[in-house]
Protein backbone atom coordinates (compact mmCIF):
# COMPACT_ATOMS: atom_id res chain seq x y z
CA MET A 1 -61.07 88.30 -101.32
CA THR A 2 -64.92 88.73 -100.96
CA LEU A 3 -66.25 90.41 -97.94
CA GLU A 4 -69.24 89.20 -95.93
CA PRO A 5 -72.31 91.34 -96.74
CA LYS A 6 -72.51 93.64 -93.76
CA VAL A 7 -71.58 97.04 -92.69
CA TYR A 8 -68.02 97.68 -91.76
CA ILE A 9 -67.52 100.78 -89.58
CA VAL A 10 -63.93 101.66 -90.40
CA GLY A 11 -61.74 103.97 -88.56
CA ALA A 12 -59.64 105.80 -91.32
CA GLY A 13 -57.17 107.36 -88.94
CA PRO A 14 -56.27 110.95 -88.45
CA GLY A 15 -55.40 112.03 -92.02
CA ASP A 16 -52.21 110.46 -93.26
CA PRO A 17 -53.38 107.66 -95.65
CA GLU A 18 -50.76 105.37 -94.31
CA LEU A 19 -52.12 105.51 -90.78
CA ILE A 20 -55.19 103.24 -91.50
CA THR A 21 -54.92 99.70 -90.30
CA VAL A 22 -54.08 96.91 -92.51
CA LYS A 23 -57.56 95.46 -92.04
CA GLY A 24 -59.20 98.66 -92.46
CA SER A 25 -57.36 99.18 -95.66
CA ARG A 26 -58.36 95.68 -97.06
CA ILE A 27 -62.07 96.34 -96.26
CA LEU A 28 -61.91 99.81 -97.97
CA ARG A 29 -60.15 98.26 -101.09
CA THR A 30 -62.85 95.30 -101.25
CA ALA A 31 -65.98 96.86 -100.42
CA ASP A 32 -68.92 96.99 -102.72
CA VAL A 33 -70.14 100.31 -101.29
CA VAL A 34 -68.12 103.01 -99.65
CA LEU A 35 -69.99 105.69 -97.56
CA TYR A 36 -67.32 108.07 -96.01
CA THR A 37 -67.15 111.36 -94.01
CA ASP A 38 -65.84 113.49 -96.90
CA SER A 39 -65.15 116.54 -94.91
CA LEU A 40 -62.51 114.74 -92.66
CA VAL A 41 -61.29 111.48 -94.38
CA ASN A 42 -58.44 111.89 -96.89
CA ASP A 43 -59.49 111.43 -100.56
CA GLU A 44 -56.23 109.45 -101.13
CA LEU A 45 -57.64 106.61 -99.06
CA ILE A 46 -60.93 106.68 -100.81
CA ALA A 47 -59.29 106.55 -104.03
CA THR A 48 -58.12 102.87 -103.22
CA ALA A 49 -61.63 101.75 -103.35
CA LYS A 50 -62.10 99.20 -106.13
CA PRO A 51 -63.25 100.72 -109.61
CA GLU A 52 -66.60 99.23 -109.54
CA ALA A 53 -67.59 100.25 -105.94
CA GLU A 54 -70.25 102.65 -105.30
CA VAL A 55 -68.76 105.51 -103.42
CA LEU A 56 -70.91 108.13 -101.59
CA GLN A 57 -70.31 111.18 -99.50
CA SER A 58 -72.20 111.30 -96.17
CA SER A 59 -71.90 115.03 -95.45
CA GLY A 60 -75.11 115.91 -97.11
CA MET A 61 -77.06 112.94 -95.60
CA ASP A 62 -79.16 112.69 -92.37
CA LEU A 63 -78.80 109.56 -90.32
CA GLU A 64 -81.86 107.91 -91.66
CA ARG A 65 -80.70 108.35 -95.22
CA GLN A 66 -77.25 106.86 -94.37
CA VAL A 67 -78.73 103.81 -92.61
CA GLU A 68 -81.22 103.20 -95.55
CA ILE A 69 -78.40 103.22 -98.07
CA MET A 70 -76.28 100.96 -95.86
CA SER A 71 -79.26 98.46 -95.03
CA GLU A 72 -80.52 98.14 -98.73
CA ALA A 73 -76.94 97.47 -99.83
CA VAL A 74 -76.45 94.61 -97.27
CA GLN A 75 -79.87 93.19 -97.92
CA ALA A 76 -79.03 92.95 -101.56
CA GLY A 77 -75.84 91.04 -100.74
CA ARG A 78 -73.42 93.68 -100.92
CA SER A 79 -70.63 94.82 -98.36
CA VAL A 80 -70.45 98.38 -97.08
CA ALA A 81 -67.45 100.27 -95.79
CA ARG A 82 -68.75 102.97 -93.63
CA VAL A 83 -65.53 105.01 -93.10
CA HIS A 84 -65.04 107.60 -90.36
CA THR A 85 -62.12 109.67 -89.38
CA GLY A 86 -59.82 108.78 -86.50
CA ASP A 87 -61.07 106.02 -84.44
CA PRO A 88 -65.00 105.59 -84.46
CA ALA A 89 -65.26 104.89 -80.77
CA VAL A 90 -64.44 108.57 -79.88
CA TYR A 91 -67.00 111.10 -80.98
CA GLY A 92 -67.70 108.95 -84.08
CA ALA A 93 -71.68 109.07 -83.79
CA ILE A 94 -71.63 105.28 -84.48
CA LEU A 95 -74.08 104.10 -81.73
CA GLU A 96 -77.02 105.82 -83.29
CA GLN A 97 -76.06 103.99 -86.59
CA MET A 98 -75.65 100.74 -84.87
CA VAL A 99 -79.19 101.12 -83.26
CA LEU A 100 -80.89 101.71 -86.49
CA LEU A 101 -78.88 98.84 -88.27
CA LYS A 102 -79.72 96.27 -85.46
CA GLN A 103 -83.38 97.34 -85.75
CA ARG A 104 -83.30 96.52 -89.32
CA GLY A 105 -81.57 93.29 -88.68
CA VAL A 106 -78.41 94.32 -90.41
CA ALA A 107 -74.95 92.94 -89.41
CA TYR A 108 -72.10 95.29 -88.71
CA GLU A 109 -68.50 95.22 -87.40
CA ILE A 110 -66.18 97.96 -85.99
CA ILE A 111 -62.70 98.26 -87.31
CA PRO A 112 -60.57 100.49 -84.94
CA GLY A 113 -58.33 103.28 -86.22
CA VAL A 114 -55.75 105.80 -84.98
CA SER A 115 -57.29 108.48 -82.99
CA SER A 116 -56.33 112.04 -83.56
CA VAL A 117 -55.42 112.26 -79.91
CA PHE A 118 -52.60 109.69 -80.44
CA ALA A 119 -51.66 111.18 -83.65
CA SER A 120 -51.25 114.54 -82.20
CA ALA A 121 -49.14 113.22 -79.34
CA ALA A 122 -46.89 111.43 -81.90
CA VAL A 123 -46.25 114.60 -84.10
CA LEU A 124 -45.56 116.49 -80.89
CA GLY A 125 -43.10 113.98 -79.67
CA ALA A 126 -44.98 113.52 -76.51
CA GLU A 127 -45.87 110.68 -74.01
CA LEU A 128 -49.00 111.34 -72.43
CA THR A 129 -48.43 109.25 -69.35
CA VAL A 130 -45.18 110.18 -67.80
CA PRO A 131 -43.78 108.26 -64.56
CA ASP A 132 -43.86 110.36 -61.53
CA LEU A 133 -45.78 113.18 -63.35
CA THR A 134 -49.13 111.69 -64.51
CA GLN A 135 -50.56 108.29 -65.21
CA THR A 136 -53.91 109.33 -66.46
CA VAL A 137 -55.33 110.77 -69.68
CA ILE A 138 -58.77 112.14 -69.79
CA LEU A 139 -60.41 112.43 -73.32
CA THR A 140 -63.29 114.91 -73.24
CA ARG A 141 -64.56 118.16 -74.77
CA ALA A 142 -65.61 121.54 -73.60
CA GLU A 143 -69.36 122.00 -73.16
CA GLY A 144 -70.82 124.15 -76.05
CA ARG A 145 -73.95 123.53 -78.02
CA THR A 146 -73.49 119.84 -77.20
CA PRO A 147 -74.07 119.40 -73.23
CA VAL A 148 -71.98 117.07 -71.14
CA PRO A 149 -73.41 115.17 -68.15
CA ASP A 150 -73.32 117.10 -64.84
CA ARG A 151 -70.72 114.73 -63.49
CA GLU A 152 -68.34 115.50 -66.36
CA LYS A 153 -68.06 119.22 -66.26
CA LEU A 154 -64.65 120.34 -67.30
CA ARG A 155 -63.81 121.90 -63.94
CA ASP A 156 -64.35 118.51 -62.25
CA LEU A 157 -62.37 116.62 -64.68
CA ALA A 158 -59.51 119.11 -64.60
CA SER A 159 -59.47 118.88 -60.76
CA HIS A 160 -57.50 115.47 -61.26
CA HIS A 161 -54.40 117.54 -62.61
CA CYS A 162 -53.59 114.80 -65.13
CA THR A 163 -53.11 115.03 -68.87
CA VAL A 164 -56.29 116.31 -70.48
CA ALA A 165 -57.12 115.97 -74.28
CA LEU A 166 -59.91 118.14 -75.59
CA PHE A 167 -61.84 117.27 -78.78
CA LEU A 168 -63.97 119.68 -80.71
CA SER A 169 -63.02 122.54 -78.36
CA ALA A 170 -60.92 125.07 -80.23
CA THR A 171 -63.71 127.68 -80.22
CA LEU A 172 -64.17 127.46 -76.54
CA ALA A 173 -60.63 128.16 -75.60
CA LYS A 174 -61.52 130.95 -73.21
CA LYS A 175 -64.03 128.79 -71.46
CA VAL A 176 -61.36 126.17 -71.21
CA VAL A 177 -58.97 128.39 -69.42
CA VAL A 178 -61.51 129.49 -66.94
CA GLU A 179 -62.43 126.05 -65.87
CA PHE A 180 -58.91 124.94 -65.64
CA LEU A 181 -57.82 127.91 -63.74
CA ALA A 182 -60.78 127.31 -61.38
CA ALA A 183 -59.49 123.60 -60.90
CA GLY A 184 -56.28 124.87 -59.63
CA TRP A 185 -54.16 124.70 -62.77
CA SER A 186 -51.26 127.19 -62.93
CA GLU A 187 -51.22 129.70 -65.83
CA ASP A 188 -47.92 128.36 -67.15
CA THR A 189 -49.10 124.79 -67.56
CA PRO A 190 -48.06 123.54 -71.02
CA VAL A 191 -50.60 123.19 -73.70
CA ALA A 192 -49.99 121.92 -77.18
CA VAL A 193 -52.62 122.31 -79.97
CA VAL A 194 -52.51 120.22 -83.29
CA GLN A 195 -54.71 121.16 -86.15
CA ARG A 196 -55.28 118.44 -88.80
CA ALA A 197 -52.73 116.10 -87.27
CA THR A 198 -50.66 114.12 -89.97
CA TRP A 199 -52.25 116.09 -92.87
CA PRO A 200 -49.94 118.18 -95.22
CA ASP A 201 -51.35 121.36 -93.92
CA GLN A 202 -50.94 120.40 -90.26
CA LYS A 203 -50.42 123.29 -87.64
CA ILE A 204 -48.71 122.95 -84.20
CA VAL A 205 -49.10 125.63 -81.52
CA ARG A 206 -47.16 125.14 -78.21
CA THR A 207 -48.32 127.63 -75.62
CA THR A 208 -49.46 127.95 -72.04
CA LEU A 209 -52.80 127.73 -70.43
CA ALA A 210 -53.09 131.40 -69.94
CA GLN A 211 -51.98 132.27 -73.61
CA LEU A 212 -54.09 129.53 -75.25
CA PRO A 213 -56.97 131.76 -76.50
CA THR A 214 -54.66 134.49 -77.82
CA ASP A 215 -52.33 131.93 -79.55
CA LEU A 216 -55.12 130.00 -81.15
CA ARG A 217 -56.53 133.34 -82.49
CA ALA A 218 -53.12 134.21 -83.92
CA ALA A 219 -52.82 130.93 -85.69
CA ASP A 220 -56.35 131.19 -87.04
CA ILE A 221 -57.40 127.70 -85.39
CA THR A 222 -61.04 127.31 -84.91
CA MET A 223 -61.74 123.61 -85.89
CA HIS A 224 -60.15 120.30 -86.63
CA ALA A 225 -57.95 120.73 -83.50
CA MET A 226 -56.77 118.57 -80.73
CA ILE A 227 -56.01 120.43 -77.47
CA LEU A 228 -53.56 118.59 -75.19
CA ALA A 229 -52.94 120.20 -71.71
CA GLY A 230 -50.82 119.19 -68.72
CA TRP A 231 -47.13 118.92 -67.76
CA ALA A 232 -46.59 115.84 -69.88
CA LEU A 233 -46.74 118.38 -72.72
CA ASP A 234 -43.49 120.30 -71.44
CA PRO A 235 -41.16 120.09 -74.42
CA GLY A 236 -38.34 120.37 -72.04
CA LEU A 237 -38.97 116.87 -70.65
CA VAL A 238 -36.64 115.34 -73.30
CA ASP A 239 -33.80 117.31 -72.02
CA LYS A 240 -34.10 116.34 -68.35
CA ASP A 241 -34.03 112.55 -68.14
CA ALA A 242 -35.95 112.71 -64.98
CA HIS A 243 -38.94 110.50 -65.36
CA ARG A 244 -37.91 106.95 -66.08
CA SER A 245 -40.21 104.06 -65.72
CA LYS A 246 -39.73 100.82 -63.66
CA LEU A 247 -40.11 98.58 -66.68
CA TYR A 248 -36.73 99.00 -67.95
CA ASP A 249 -34.83 99.77 -64.56
CA LYS A 250 -32.02 97.27 -64.18
CA SER A 251 -32.92 96.86 -60.50
CA PHE A 252 -36.61 96.13 -61.20
CA THR A 253 -37.67 92.55 -61.13
CA HIS A 254 -40.65 91.38 -63.44
CA GLY A 255 -41.90 88.13 -65.03
CA TYR A 256 -39.35 88.44 -67.79
CA ARG A 257 -36.18 89.76 -66.07
CA LYS A 258 -34.42 89.48 -62.71
CA GLY A 259 -33.40 92.85 -61.37
CA VAL A 260 -29.90 93.57 -60.22
CA LYS A 261 -29.28 95.48 -57.20
CA PRO A 262 -26.75 98.39 -57.12
CA GLY A 263 -23.44 96.81 -56.27
CA GLU A 264 -24.20 93.35 -57.38
């Protein structure tokens, strides 16, 4: 199957080569040019590119060079798979690429992927939105060299006391603890950290808010890690049967089933 000559921004998933979407895999196998984030995307995936494809690593390129390569390829009638880790919509740095591609009149399409936040939840066996416990998940990062807007300071976000997923924050664990405690979180709040989720060398650390910096240091985790915090991460939830949803409650009526009241 021949692809339309344009840039396909493909989410490769978190690491496991089977966690790319069917569409993403088809594009990767068919594209004339493959430009990929070589420090994060599994080489097993890239090996599925067709033999005649031009395969390039992006880690040594600046933005302008990447866009130049992609634009020249599309203008020559070739298709480009720009392969990102996880889902490109979250910390994927794709807007800046799209801006320059649009300026050059180059068409593009985004193919979603499995984000590391959901891959981490899966390997932990966790549901991030638990009935009667939390129904909200905040995806954010701690403020380091990259600033965050004033209205998105971690302390303010943590004040909602829901599940919080922290990208790119493993080196800022002490700051995370300070901000969460200032927002009223208890020191024994469950926290789980997954480094390189779904890769063969994946690491999992289950800890508490107070112990987070110590346990990360002991596990030698400083990068490629997802931090999930909140009571939805309590591993004991699977032993309690205390948080059932309305969806499958036999007494709950919805558009596909009439509920049965107790005693009926």
